[in-house]
Amino acid sequence: MPVTVERWTALSASGTRLDLVELSRRVGREGAEIAQLALESGLRRRGVELPVSGACSRTRRALEVITSGA
């Protein structure tokens, strides 16, 4: 199944770097949960660290880096 990849990069005035990659799949509602689990499982097997549940959105994280140097 095809995967869409988006990469967000940002650099604050203080030099703090942000480099985020988002992977997603387009599936029907009935297959969404299984597709999500399969994608996460495949990434973990390859050593990719996934964000914890409830992590802030990529847009918010990018804005935090740009505006505060966090």
PDB file of N, CA and C in Angstrom:
ATOM      1  N   MET A   1       0.847  -1.172   0.000  1.00  0.00           N
ATOM      2  CA  MET A   1       0.000   0.000   0.000  1.00  0.00           C
ATOM      3  C   MET A   1       0.898   1.242   0.000  1.00  0.00           C
ATOM      4  N   PRO A   2       0.602   2.219  -0.827  1.00  0.00           N
ATOM      5  CA  PRO A   2       1.419   3.447  -0.878  1.00  0.00           C
ATOM      6  C   PRO A   2       1.373   4.222   0.440  1.00  0.00           C
ATOM      7  N   VAL A   3       2.481   4.849   0.747  1.00  0.00           N
ATOM      8  CA  VAL A   3       2.600   5.672   1.952  1.00  0.00           C
ATOM      9  C   VAL A   3       2.973   7.086   1.515  1.00  0.00           C
ATOM     10  N   THR A   4       2.331   8.082   2.096  1.00  0.00           N
ATOM     11  CA  THR A   4       2.657   9.483   1.844  1.00  0.00           C
ATOM     12  C   THR A   4       3.659   9.935   2.891  1.00  0.00           C
ATOM     13  N   VAL A   5       4.690  10.654   2.463  1.00  0.00           N
ATOM     14  CA  VAL A   5       5.729  11.140   3.365  1.00  0.00           C
ATOM     15  C   VAL A   5       5.759  12.658   3.313  1.00  0.00           C
ATOM     16  N   GLU A   6       5.718  13.292   4.489  1.00  0.00           N
ATOM     17  CA  GLU A   6       5.885  14.745   4.602  1.00  0.00           C
ATOM     18  C   GLU A   6       7.027  14.988   5.571  1.00  0.00           C
ATOM     19  N   ARG A   7       7.905  15.926   5.213  1.00  0.00           N
ATOM     20  CA  ARG A   7       9.012  16.274   6.104  1.00  0.00           C
ATOM     21  C   ARG A   7       8.926  17.756   6.433  1.00  0.00           C
ATOM     22  N   TRP A   8       9.016  18.048   7.722  1.00  0.00           N
ATOM     23  CA  TRP A   8       9.000  19.421   8.217  1.00  0.00           C
ATOM     24  C   TRP A   8      10.347  19.703   8.861  1.00  0.00           C
ATOM     25  N   THR A   9      10.986  20.776   8.457  1.00  0.00           N
ATOM     26  CA  THR A   9      12.230  21.190   9.086  1.00  0.00           C
ATOM     27  C   THR A   9      12.109  22.654   9.482  1.00  0.00           C
ATOM     28  N   ALA A  10      12.737  23.007  10.582  1.00  0.00           N
ATOM     29  CA  ALA A  10      12.726  24.391  11.051  1.00  0.00           C
ATOM     30  C   ALA A  10      14.000  24.648  11.837  1.00  0.00           C
ATOM     31  N   LEU A  11      14.397  25.906  11.871  1.00  0.00           N
ATOM     32  CA  LEU A  11      15.578  26.318  12.612  1.00  0.00           C
ATOM     33  C   LEU A  11      15.225  27.604  13.349  1.00  0.00           C
ATOM     34  N   SER A  12      15.436  27.601  14.668  1.00  0.00           N
ATOM     35  CA  SER A  12      15.142  28.797  15.454  1.00  0.00           C
ATOM     36  C   SER A  12      16.315  29.759  15.365  1.00  0.00           C
ATOM     37  N   ALA A  13      16.104  30.980  15.811  1.00  0.00           N
ATOM     38  CA  ALA A  13      17.159  31.996  15.833  1.00  0.00           C
ATOM     39  C   ALA A  13      18.329  31.541  16.702  1.00  0.00           C
ATOM     40  N   SER A  14      18.048  30.735  17.736  1.00  0.00           N
ATOM     41  CA  SER A  14      19.112  30.268  18.634  1.00  0.00           C
ATOM     42  C   SER A  14      19.847  29.039  18.089  1.00  0.00           C
ATOM     43  N   GLY A  15      19.387  28.520  16.946  1.00  0.00           N
ATOM     44  CA  GLY A  15      20.061  27.372  16.341  1.00  0.00           C
ATOM     45  C   GLY A  15      19.433  26.026  16.630  1.00  0.00           C
ATOM     46  N   THR A  16      18.331  26.004  17.380  1.00  0.00           N
ATOM     47  CA  THR A  16      17.640  24.746  17.647  1.00  0.00           C
ATOM     48  C   THR A  16      17.015  24.223  16.353  1.00  0.00           C
ATOM     49  N   ARG A  17      17.257  22.960  16.054  1.00  0.00           N
ATOM     50  CA  ARG A  17      16.734  22.343  14.838  1.00  0.00           C
ATOM     51  C   ARG A  17      15.542  21.449  15.131  1.00  0.00           C
ATOM     52  N   LEU A  18      14.617  21.463  14.216  1.00  0.00           N
ATOM     53  CA  LEU A  18      13.477  20.548  14.246  1.00  0.00           C
ATOM     54  C   LEU A  18      13.470  19.810  12.923  1.00  0.00           C
ATOM     55  N   ASP A  19      13.350  18.496  12.974  1.00  0.00           N
ATOM     56  CA  ASP A  19      13.270  17.688  11.771  1.00  0.00           C
ATOM     57  C   ASP A  19      12.225  16.607  12.022  1.00  0.00           C
ATOM     58  N   LEU A  20      11.033  16.792  11.467  1.00  0.00           N
ATOM     59  CA  LEU A  20       9.928  15.859  11.667  1.00  0.00           C
ATOM     60  C   LEU A  20       9.580  15.186  10.351  1.00  0.00           C
ATOM     61  N   VAL A  21       9.229  13.920  10.433  1.00  0.00           N
ATOM     62  CA  VAL A  21       8.763  13.185   9.260  1.00  0.00           C
ATOM     63  C   VAL A  21       7.407  12.589   9.612  1.00  0.00           C
ATOM     64  N   GLU A  22       6.442  12.799   8.725  1.00  0.00           N
ATOM     65  CA  GLU A  22       5.111  12.228   8.922  1.00  0.00           C
ATOM     66  C   GLU A  22       4.847  11.223   7.812  1.00  0.00           C
ATOM     67  N   LEU A  23       4.442  10.023   8.190  1.00  0.00           N
ATOM     68  CA  LEU A  23       4.068   8.985   7.234  1.00  0.00           C
ATOM     69  C   LEU A  23       2.578   8.720   7.397  1.00  0.00           C
ATOM     70  N   SER A  24       1.877   8.592   6.292  1.00  0.00           N
ATOM     71  CA  SER A  24       0.444   8.309   6.382  1.00  0.00           C
ATOM     72  C   SER A  24       0.006   7.428   5.221  1.00  0.00           C
ATOM     73  N   ARG A  25      -1.117   6.779   5.428  1.00  0.00           N
ATOM     74  CA  ARG A  25      -1.757   5.936   4.411  1.00  0.00           C
ATOM     75  C   ARG A  25      -3.194   6.393   4.264  1.00  0.00           C
ATOM     76  N   ARG A  26      -3.705   6.311   3.081  1.00  0.00           N
ATOM     77  CA  ARG A  26      -5.119   6.607   2.849  1.00  0.00           C
ATOM     78  C   ARG A  26      -5.852   5.270   2.736  1.00  0.00           C
ATOM     79  N   VAL A  27      -6.756   5.056   3.662  1.00  0.00           N
ATOM     80  CA  VAL A  27      -7.556   3.822   3.655  1.00  0.00           C
ATOM     81  C   VAL A  27      -8.988   4.169   4.015  1.00  0.00           C
ATOM     82  N   GLY A  28      -9.879   3.238   3.737  1.00  0.00           N
ATOM     83  CA  GLY A  28     -11.270   3.437   4.113  1.00  0.00           C
ATOM     84  C   GLY A  28     -11.436   3.363   5.626  1.00  0.00           C
ATOM     85  N   ARG A  29     -12.504   3.918   6.109  1.00  0.00           N
ATOM     86  CA  ARG A  29     -12.772   3.961   7.552  1.00  0.00           C
ATOM     87  C   ARG A  29     -12.737   2.568   8.182  1.00  0.00           C
ATOM     88  N   GLU A  30     -13.280   1.578   7.472  1.00  0.00           N
ATOM     89  CA  GLU A  30     -13.344   0.230   8.039  1.00  0.00           C
ATOM     90  C   GLU A  30     -11.971  -0.422   8.182  1.00  0.00           C
ATOM     91  N   GLY A  31     -10.975   0.036   7.436  1.00  0.00           N
ATOM     92  CA  GLY A  31      -9.646  -0.557   7.543  1.00  0.00           C
ATOM     93  C   GLY A  31      -8.632   0.317   8.258  1.00  0.00           C
ATOM     94  N   ALA A  32      -9.078   1.447   8.784  1.00  0.00           N
ATOM     95  CA  ALA A  32      -8.153   2.431   9.359  1.00  0.00           C
ATOM     96  C   ALA A  32      -7.361   1.898  10.549  1.00  0.00           C
ATOM     97  N   GLU A  33      -8.020   1.242  11.474  1.00  0.00           N
ATOM     98  CA  GLU A  33      -7.339   0.767  12.681  1.00  0.00           C
ATOM     99  C   GLU A  33      -6.275  -0.276  12.334  1.00  0.00           C
ATOM    100  N   ILE A  34      -6.609  -1.200  11.458  1.00  0.00           N
ATOM    101  CA  ILE A  34      -5.658  -2.232  11.060  1.00  0.00           C
ATOM    102  C   ILE A  34      -4.479  -1.616  10.305  1.00  0.00           C
ATOM    103  N   ALA A  35      -4.762  -0.672   9.407  1.00  0.00           N
ATOM    104  CA  ALA A  35      -3.696  -0.008   8.656  1.00  0.00           C
ATOM    105  C   ALA A  35      -2.762   0.754   9.591  1.00  0.00           C
ATOM    106  N   GLN A  36      -3.322   1.432  10.590  1.00  0.00           N
ATOM    107  CA  GLN A  36      -2.512   2.178  11.558  1.00  0.00           C
ATOM    108  C   GLN A  36      -1.595   1.232  12.338  1.00  0.00           C
ATOM    109  N   LEU A  37      -2.154   0.149  12.821  1.00  0.00           N
ATOM    110  CA  LEU A  37      -1.359  -0.823  13.578  1.00  0.00           C
ATOM    111  C   LEU A  37      -0.263  -1.440  12.719  1.00  0.00           C
ATOM    112  N   ALA A  38      -0.575  -1.753  11.467  1.00  0.00           N
ATOM    113  CA  ALA A  38       0.418  -2.343  10.569  1.00  0.00           C
ATOM    114  C   ALA A  38       1.552  -1.359  10.281  1.00  0.00           C
ATOM    115  N   LEU A  39       1.206  -0.097  10.045  1.00  0.00           N
ATOM    116  CA  LEU A  39       2.225   0.920   9.783  1.00  0.00           C
ATOM    117  C   LEU A  39       3.119   1.114  11.003  1.00  0.00           C
ATOM    118  N   GLU A  40       2.521   1.267  12.176  1.00  0.00           N
ATOM    119  CA  GLU A  40       3.300   1.451  13.399  1.00  0.00           C
ATOM    120  C   GLU A  40       4.193   0.246  13.681  1.00  0.00           C
ATOM    121  N   SER A  41       3.664  -0.951  13.500  1.00  0.00           N
ATOM    122  CA  SER A  41       4.433  -2.165  13.740  1.00  0.00           C
ATOM    123  C   SER A  41       5.636  -2.239  12.798  1.00  0.00           C
ATOM    124  N   GLY A  42       5.415  -1.952  11.529  1.00  0.00           N
ATOM    125  CA  GLY A  42       6.504  -1.972  10.562  1.00  0.00           C
ATOM    126  C   GLY A  42       7.585  -0.954  10.875  1.00  0.00           C
ATOM    127  N   LEU A  43       7.180   0.230  11.307  1.00  0.00           N
ATOM    128  CA  LEU A  43       8.154   1.266  11.667  1.00  0.00           C
ATOM    129  C   LEU A  43       8.958   0.868  12.899  1.00  0.00           C
ATOM    130  N   ARG A  44       8.292   0.335  13.900  1.00  0.00           N
ATOM    131  CA  ARG A  44       8.995  -0.087  15.126  1.00  0.00           C
ATOM    132  C   ARG A  44      10.006  -1.193  14.832  1.00  0.00           C
ATOM    133  N   ARG A  45       9.633  -2.134  13.960  1.00  0.00           N
ATOM    134  CA  ARG A  45      10.565  -3.205  13.587  1.00  0.00           C
ATOM    135  C   ARG A  45      11.821  -2.648  12.918  1.00  0.00           C
ATOM    136  N   ARG A  46      11.697  -1.487  12.321  1.00  0.00           N
ATOM    137  CA  ARG A  46      12.837  -0.853  11.651  1.00  0.00           C
ATOM    138  C   ARG A  46      13.553   0.153  12.553  1.00  0.00           C
ATOM    139  N   GLY A  47      13.185   0.179  13.838  1.00  0.00           N
ATOM    140  CA  GLY A  47      13.873   1.038  14.795  1.00  0.00           C
ATOM    141  C   GLY A  47      13.428   2.486  14.820  1.00  0.00           C
ATOM    142  N   VAL A  48      12.268   2.783  14.231  1.00  0.00           N
ATOM    143  CA  VAL A  48      11.761   4.160  14.225  1.00  0.00           C
ATOM    144  C   VAL A  48      11.062   4.444  15.545  1.00  0.00           C
ATOM    145  N   GLU A  49      11.426   5.553  16.187  1.00  0.00           N
ATOM    146  CA  GLU A  49      10.769   5.976  17.417  1.00  0.00           C
ATOM    147  C   GLU A  49       9.498   6.730  17.060  1.00  0.00           C
ATOM    148  N   LEU A  50       8.382   6.291  17.604  1.00  0.00           N
ATOM    149  CA  LEU A  50       7.103   6.937  17.347  1.00  0.00           C
ATOM    150  C   LEU A  50       6.751   7.851  18.507  1.00  0.00           C
ATOM    151  N   PRO A  51       6.042   8.955  18.228  1.00  0.00           N
ATOM    152  CA  PRO A  51       5.651   9.855  19.318  1.00  0.00           C
ATOM    153  C   PRO A  51       4.682   9.173  20.266  1.00  0.00           C
ATOM    154  N   VAL A  52       4.725   9.578  21.519  1.00  0.00           N
ATOM    155  CA  VAL A  52       3.781   9.036  22.493  1.00  0.00           C
ATOM    156  C   VAL A  52       2.396   9.571  22.193  1.00  0.00           C
ATOM    157  N   SER A  53       1.403   8.809  22.563  1.00  0.00           N
ATOM    158  CA  SER A  53       0.026   9.236  22.351  1.00  0.00           C
ATOM    159  C   SER A  53      -0.211  10.570  23.050  1.00  0.00           C
ATOM    160  N   GLY A  54      -0.886  11.461  22.368  1.00  0.00           N
ATOM    161  CA  GLY A  54      -1.162  12.773  22.954  1.00  0.00           C
ATOM    162  C   GLY A  54      -0.073  13.793  22.679  1.00  0.00           C
ATOM    163  N   ALA A  55       0.950  13.414  21.900  1.00  0.00           N
ATOM    164  CA  ALA A  55       2.012  14.359  21.559  1.00  0.00           C
ATOM    165  C   ALA A  55       1.413  15.497  20.738  1.00  0.00           C
ATOM    166  N   CYS A  56       2.043  16.659  20.806  1.00  0.00           N
ATOM    167  CA  CYS A  56       1.503  17.814  20.094  1.00  0.00           C
ATOM    168  C   CYS A  56       1.654  17.646  18.585  1.00  0.00           C
ATOM    169  N   SER A  57       0.881  18.398  17.841  1.00  0.00           N
ATOM    170  CA  SER A  57       0.896  18.288  16.389  1.00  0.00           C
ATOM    171  C   SER A  57       2.212  18.806  15.810  1.00  0.00           C
ATOM    172  N   ARG A  58       2.494  18.402  14.595  1.00  0.00           N
ATOM    173  CA  ARG A  58       3.734  18.843  13.952  1.00  0.00           C
ATOM    174  C   ARG A  58       3.738  20.352  13.752  1.00  0.00           C
ATOM    175  N   THR A  59       2.576  20.926  13.447  1.00  0.00           N
ATOM    176  CA  THR A  59       2.507  22.372  13.252  1.00  0.00           C
ATOM    177  C   THR A  59       2.846  23.088  14.547  1.00  0.00           C
ATOM    178  N   ARG A  60       2.272  22.643  15.645  1.00  0.00           N
ATOM    179  CA  ARG A  60       2.546  23.273  16.933  1.00  0.00           C
ATOM    180  C   ARG A  60       4.021  23.143  17.309  1.00  0.00           C
ATOM    181  N   ARG A  61       4.592  21.957  17.110  1.00  0.00           N
ATOM    182  CA  ARG A  61       5.992  21.738  17.448  1.00  0.00           C
ATOM    183  C   ARG A  61       6.902  22.647  16.617  1.00  0.00           C
ATOM    184  N   ALA A  62       6.627  22.762  15.315  1.00  0.00           N
ATOM    185  CA  ALA A  62       7.419  23.636  14.448  1.00  0.00           C
ATOM    186  C   ALA A  62       7.329  25.092  14.915  1.00  0.00           C
ATOM    187  N   LEU A  63       6.127  25.536  15.235  1.00  0.00           N
ATOM    188  CA  LEU A  63       5.958  26.915  15.704  1.00  0.00           C
ATOM    189  C   LEU A  63       6.671  27.155  17.030  1.00  0.00           C
ATOM    190  N   GLU A  64       6.659  26.158  17.921  1.00  0.00           N
ATOM    191  CA  GLU A  64       7.366  26.292  19.196  1.00  0.00           C
ATOM    192  C   GLU A  64       8.877  26.469  18.968  1.00  0.00           C
ATOM    193  N   VAL A  65       9.429  25.695  18.051  1.00  0.00           N
ATOM    194  CA  VAL A  65      10.857  25.800  17.768  1.00  0.00           C
ATOM    195  C   VAL A  65      11.194  27.157  17.159  1.00  0.00           C
ATOM    196  N   ILE A  66      10.400  27.560  16.205  1.00  0.00           N
ATOM    197  CA  ILE A  66      10.669  28.818  15.509  1.00  0.00           C
ATOM    198  C   ILE A  66      10.560  30.023  16.448  1.00  0.00           C
ATOM    199  N   THR A  67       9.557  30.019  17.320  1.00  0.00           N
ATOM    200  CA  THR A  67       9.307  31.190  18.159  1.00  0.00           C
ATOM    201  C   THR A  67      10.067  31.215  19.473  1.00  0.00           C
ATOM    202  N   SER A  68      10.443  30.040  19.994  1.00  0.00           N
ATOM    203  CA  SER A  68      11.082  30.050  21.314  1.00  0.00           C
ATOM    204  C   SER A  68      12.472  29.442  21.350  1.00  0.00           C
ATOM    205  N   GLY A  69      12.848  28.799  20.291  1.00  0.00           N
ATOM    206  CA  GLY A  69      14.154  28.146  20.302  1.00  0.00           C
ATOM    207  C   GLY A  69      14.182  26.888  21.138  1.00  0.00           C
ATOM    208  N   ALA A  70      12.967  26.332  21.449  1.00  0.00           N
ATOM    209  CA  ALA A  70      12.867  25.116  22.271  1.00  0.00           C
ATOM    210  C   ALA A  70      13.348  23.909  21.533  1.00  0.00           C
TER     211      ALA A  70
END
